[in-house]
């Protein structure tokens, strides 16, 4: 299993809608936290392969209102 964290910046004030949209992406999305700081959300994903991480990050980027993402794969 691969665990990854996606840092998400949004350009809209619709945090609850975006959180729901991200959670709705499927089984690989484990948790979505609205946070204060340089990013608006931290998404935790657990998937089978690094390619699956890319698919989740791409799906997040396609959501209306998402400005930018940065993805980090956990090493332990």
N, C-alpha and C. Protein backbone atom coordinates (compact mmCIF):
# COMPACT_ATOMS: atom_id res chain seq x y z
N UNK A 1 0.84 -1.19 0.00
CA UNK A 1 0.00 0.00 0.00
C UNK A 1 0.88 1.24 0.00
N UNK A 2 0.39 2.27 -0.65
CA UNK A 2 1.07 3.55 -0.71
C UNK A 2 0.21 4.58 0.02
N UNK A 3 0.83 5.32 0.94
CA UNK A 3 0.15 6.41 1.62
C UNK A 3 0.70 7.71 1.07
N UNK A 4 -0.19 8.62 0.75
CA UNK A 4 0.22 9.92 0.20
C UNK A 4 -0.61 11.02 0.83
N UNK A 5 -0.02 12.20 0.85
CA UNK A 5 -0.70 13.39 1.35
C UNK A 5 -0.70 14.42 0.23
N UNK A 6 -1.88 14.97 -0.05
CA UNK A 6 -2.01 15.99 -1.09
C UNK A 6 -2.38 17.30 -0.41
N UNK A 7 -1.52 18.30 -0.58
CA UNK A 7 -1.78 19.63 -0.07
C UNK A 7 -2.55 20.38 -1.15
N UNK A 8 -3.68 20.96 -0.76
CA UNK A 8 -4.59 21.55 -1.75
C UNK A 8 -4.84 23.02 -1.43
N UNK A 9 -4.64 23.86 -2.44
CA UNK A 9 -5.02 25.27 -2.35
C UNK A 9 -6.29 25.47 -3.17
N UNK A 10 -7.22 26.22 -2.60
CA UNK A 10 -8.49 26.48 -3.28
C UNK A 10 -8.62 27.98 -3.52
N UNK A 11 -9.37 28.33 -4.57
CA UNK A 11 -9.59 29.75 -4.86
C UNK A 11 -11.06 30.12 -4.67
N UNK A 12 -11.70 29.43 -3.74
CA UNK A 12 -13.10 29.70 -3.46
C UNK A 12 -13.34 29.56 -1.96
N UNK A 13 -14.38 30.18 -1.47
CA UNK A 13 -14.71 30.08 -0.06
C UNK A 13 -15.64 28.90 0.25
N UNK A 14 -15.84 28.02 -0.70
CA UNK A 14 -16.77 26.91 -0.53
C UNK A 14 -16.07 25.67 0.03
N UNK A 15 -15.48 25.81 1.19
CA UNK A 15 -14.68 24.74 1.77
C UNK A 15 -15.48 23.46 1.97
N UNK A 16 -16.70 23.57 2.46
CA UNK A 16 -17.50 22.36 2.72
C UNK A 16 -17.82 21.62 1.42
N UNK A 17 -18.14 22.35 0.36
CA UNK A 17 -18.43 21.70 -0.93
C UNK A 17 -17.18 21.00 -1.46
N UNK A 18 -16.05 21.69 -1.40
CA UNK A 18 -14.82 21.09 -1.91
C UNK A 18 -14.43 19.85 -1.10
N UNK A 19 -14.59 19.92 0.21
CA UNK A 19 -14.28 18.75 1.04
C UNK A 19 -15.16 17.58 0.62
N UNK A 20 -16.43 17.82 0.42
CA UNK A 20 -17.33 16.76 -0.01
C UNK A 20 -16.97 16.21 -1.39
N UNK A 21 -16.59 17.10 -2.30
CA UNK A 21 -16.19 16.66 -3.64
C UNK A 21 -14.94 15.78 -3.58
N UNK A 22 -13.98 16.17 -2.75
CA UNK A 22 -12.75 15.38 -2.62
C UNK A 22 -13.06 14.03 -1.98
N UNK A 23 -13.84 14.03 -0.92
CA UNK A 23 -14.21 12.77 -0.27
C UNK A 23 -14.97 11.84 -1.23
N UNK A 24 -15.69 12.44 -2.14
CA UNK A 24 -16.47 11.67 -3.11
C UNK A 24 -15.66 11.03 -4.22
N UNK A 25 -14.35 11.25 -4.23
CA UNK A 25 -13.52 10.70 -5.30
C UNK A 25 -13.34 9.19 -5.22
N UNK A 26 -13.59 8.60 -4.07
CA UNK A 26 -13.50 7.15 -4.02
C UNK A 26 -12.78 6.61 -2.81
N UNK A 27 -12.58 5.30 -2.86
CA UNK A 27 -12.04 4.56 -1.73
C UNK A 27 -10.62 4.96 -1.36
N UNK A 28 -9.82 5.44 -2.29
CA UNK A 28 -8.45 5.79 -2.00
C UNK A 28 -8.30 7.00 -1.10
N UNK A 29 -9.31 7.86 -1.06
CA UNK A 29 -9.26 9.05 -0.20
C UNK A 29 -9.69 8.63 1.20
N UNK A 30 -8.73 8.69 2.13
CA UNK A 30 -8.98 8.24 3.50
C UNK A 30 -9.54 9.36 4.37
N UNK A 31 -9.01 10.58 4.19
CA UNK A 31 -9.41 11.69 5.05
C UNK A 31 -9.14 13.00 4.33
N UNK A 32 -9.96 14.00 4.63
CA UNK A 32 -9.76 15.36 4.12
C UNK A 32 -9.91 16.30 5.31
N UNK A 33 -8.88 17.09 5.56
CA UNK A 33 -8.92 18.06 6.65
C UNK A 33 -8.84 19.48 6.10
N UNK A 34 -9.74 20.33 6.56
CA UNK A 34 -9.65 21.76 6.26
C UNK A 34 -8.65 22.33 7.26
N UNK A 35 -7.64 23.03 6.75
CA UNK A 35 -6.57 23.53 7.62
C UNK A 35 -6.34 25.02 7.40
N UNK A 36 -5.70 25.63 8.38
CA UNK A 36 -5.27 27.03 8.26
C UNK A 36 -3.79 27.03 7.92
N UNK A 37 -3.37 27.97 7.11
CA UNK A 37 -1.96 28.06 6.74
C UNK A 37 -1.81 28.28 5.25
N UNK A 38 -0.71 27.78 4.71
CA UNK A 38 -0.40 27.98 3.29
C UNK A 38 -1.32 27.21 2.35
N UNK A 39 -1.94 26.14 2.84
CA UNK A 39 -2.87 25.36 2.03
C UNK A 39 -4.23 25.35 2.72
N UNK A 40 -5.25 24.95 1.99
CA UNK A 40 -6.61 24.95 2.52
C UNK A 40 -7.08 23.57 2.98
N UNK A 41 -6.53 22.51 2.35
CA UNK A 41 -6.90 21.14 2.69
C UNK A 41 -5.66 20.26 2.71
N UNK A 42 -5.68 19.25 3.56
CA UNK A 42 -4.72 18.16 3.48
C UNK A 42 -5.53 16.89 3.27
N UNK A 43 -5.21 16.20 2.19
CA UNK A 43 -5.92 14.98 1.81
C UNK A 43 -4.99 13.80 2.06
N UNK A 44 -5.47 12.80 2.79
CA UNK A 44 -4.71 11.58 3.00
C UNK A 44 -5.29 10.50 2.09
N UNK A 45 -4.41 9.86 1.34
CA UNK A 45 -4.83 8.80 0.43
C UNK A 45 -4.04 7.53 0.72
N UNK A 46 -4.71 6.39 0.62
CA UNK A 46 -4.06 5.07 0.71
C UNK A 46 -4.51 4.27 -0.49
N UNK A 47 -3.54 3.95 -1.34
CA UNK A 47 -3.83 3.27 -2.60
C UNK A 47 -2.81 2.16 -2.84
N UNK A 48 -3.02 1.40 -3.89
CA UNK A 48 -2.15 0.26 -4.19
C UNK A 48 -0.81 0.65 -4.79
N UNK A 49 -0.80 1.63 -5.70
CA UNK A 49 0.42 1.95 -6.43
C UNK A 49 0.63 3.46 -6.53
N UNK A 50 1.86 3.89 -6.82
CA UNK A 50 2.10 5.33 -7.05
C UNK A 50 1.28 5.89 -8.21
N UNK A 51 0.97 5.08 -9.20
CA UNK A 51 0.12 5.54 -10.31
C UNK A 51 -1.26 5.93 -9.79
N UNK A 52 -1.77 5.18 -8.82
CA UNK A 52 -3.06 5.50 -8.22
C UNK A 52 -3.01 6.84 -7.49
N UNK A 53 -1.87 7.17 -6.90
CA UNK A 53 -1.69 8.48 -6.25
C UNK A 53 -1.83 9.57 -7.30
N UNK A 54 -1.20 9.38 -8.43
CA UNK A 54 -1.28 10.36 -9.53
C UNK A 54 -2.73 10.54 -9.97
N UNK A 55 -3.46 9.44 -10.06
CA UNK A 55 -4.87 9.52 -10.48
C UNK A 55 -5.70 10.34 -9.50
N UNK A 56 -5.47 10.14 -8.20
CA UNK A 56 -6.21 10.91 -7.20
C UNK A 56 -5.83 12.38 -7.28
N UNK A 57 -4.54 12.68 -7.39
CA UNK A 57 -4.11 14.08 -7.49
C UNK A 57 -4.71 14.75 -8.72
N UNK A 58 -4.74 14.04 -9.83
CA UNK A 58 -5.33 14.60 -11.05
C UNK A 58 -6.83 14.84 -10.88
N UNK A 59 -7.51 13.92 -10.21
CA UNK A 59 -8.95 14.09 -9.98
C UNK A 59 -9.22 15.29 -9.08
N UNK A 60 -8.37 15.50 -8.08
CA UNK A 60 -8.53 16.67 -7.20
C UNK A 60 -8.33 17.94 -8.01
N UNK A 61 -7.31 17.97 -8.85
CA UNK A 61 -7.03 19.16 -9.66
C UNK A 61 -8.17 19.50 -10.60
N UNK A 62 -8.95 18.51 -11.00
CA UNK A 62 -10.05 18.72 -11.93
C UNK A 62 -11.30 19.31 -11.27
N UNK A 63 -11.34 19.35 -9.95
CA UNK A 63 -12.50 19.88 -9.24
C UNK A 63 -12.54 21.40 -9.38
N UNK A 64 -13.70 21.92 -9.73
CA UNK A 64 -13.88 23.37 -9.89
C UNK A 64 -13.62 24.07 -8.56
N UNK A 65 -12.71 25.03 -8.56
CA UNK A 65 -12.37 25.77 -7.35
C UNK A 65 -11.00 25.40 -6.78
N UNK A 66 -10.40 24.32 -7.29
CA UNK A 66 -9.06 23.94 -6.84
C UNK A 66 -8.04 24.74 -7.63
N UNK A 67 -7.13 25.36 -6.92
CA UNK A 67 -6.12 26.22 -7.55
C UNK A 67 -4.80 25.47 -7.79
N UNK A 68 -4.35 24.71 -6.79
CA UNK A 68 -3.04 24.07 -6.89
C UNK A 68 -2.97 22.89 -5.93
N UNK A 69 -2.12 21.92 -6.25
CA UNK A 69 -1.88 20.80 -5.37
C UNK A 69 -0.40 20.48 -5.32
N UNK A 70 0.03 19.92 -4.21
CA UNK A 70 1.36 19.34 -4.06
C UNK A 70 1.18 17.99 -3.40
N UNK A 71 1.82 16.98 -3.95
CA UNK A 71 1.62 15.61 -3.47
C UNK A 71 2.91 15.08 -2.85
N UNK A 72 2.76 14.44 -1.71
CA UNK A 72 3.88 13.85 -0.99
C UNK A 72 3.55 12.38 -0.70
N UNK A 73 4.48 11.50 -1.05
CA UNK A 73 4.31 10.07 -0.77
C UNK A 73 5.08 9.74 0.50
N UNK A 74 4.41 9.12 1.45
CA UNK A 74 5.04 8.74 2.73
C UNK A 74 6.07 7.64 2.48
N UNK A 75 7.19 7.73 3.19
CA UNK A 75 8.27 6.76 3.02
C UNK A 75 8.27 5.68 4.09
N UNK A 76 7.44 5.80 5.10
CA UNK A 76 7.40 4.76 6.13
C UNK A 76 6.00 4.27 6.37
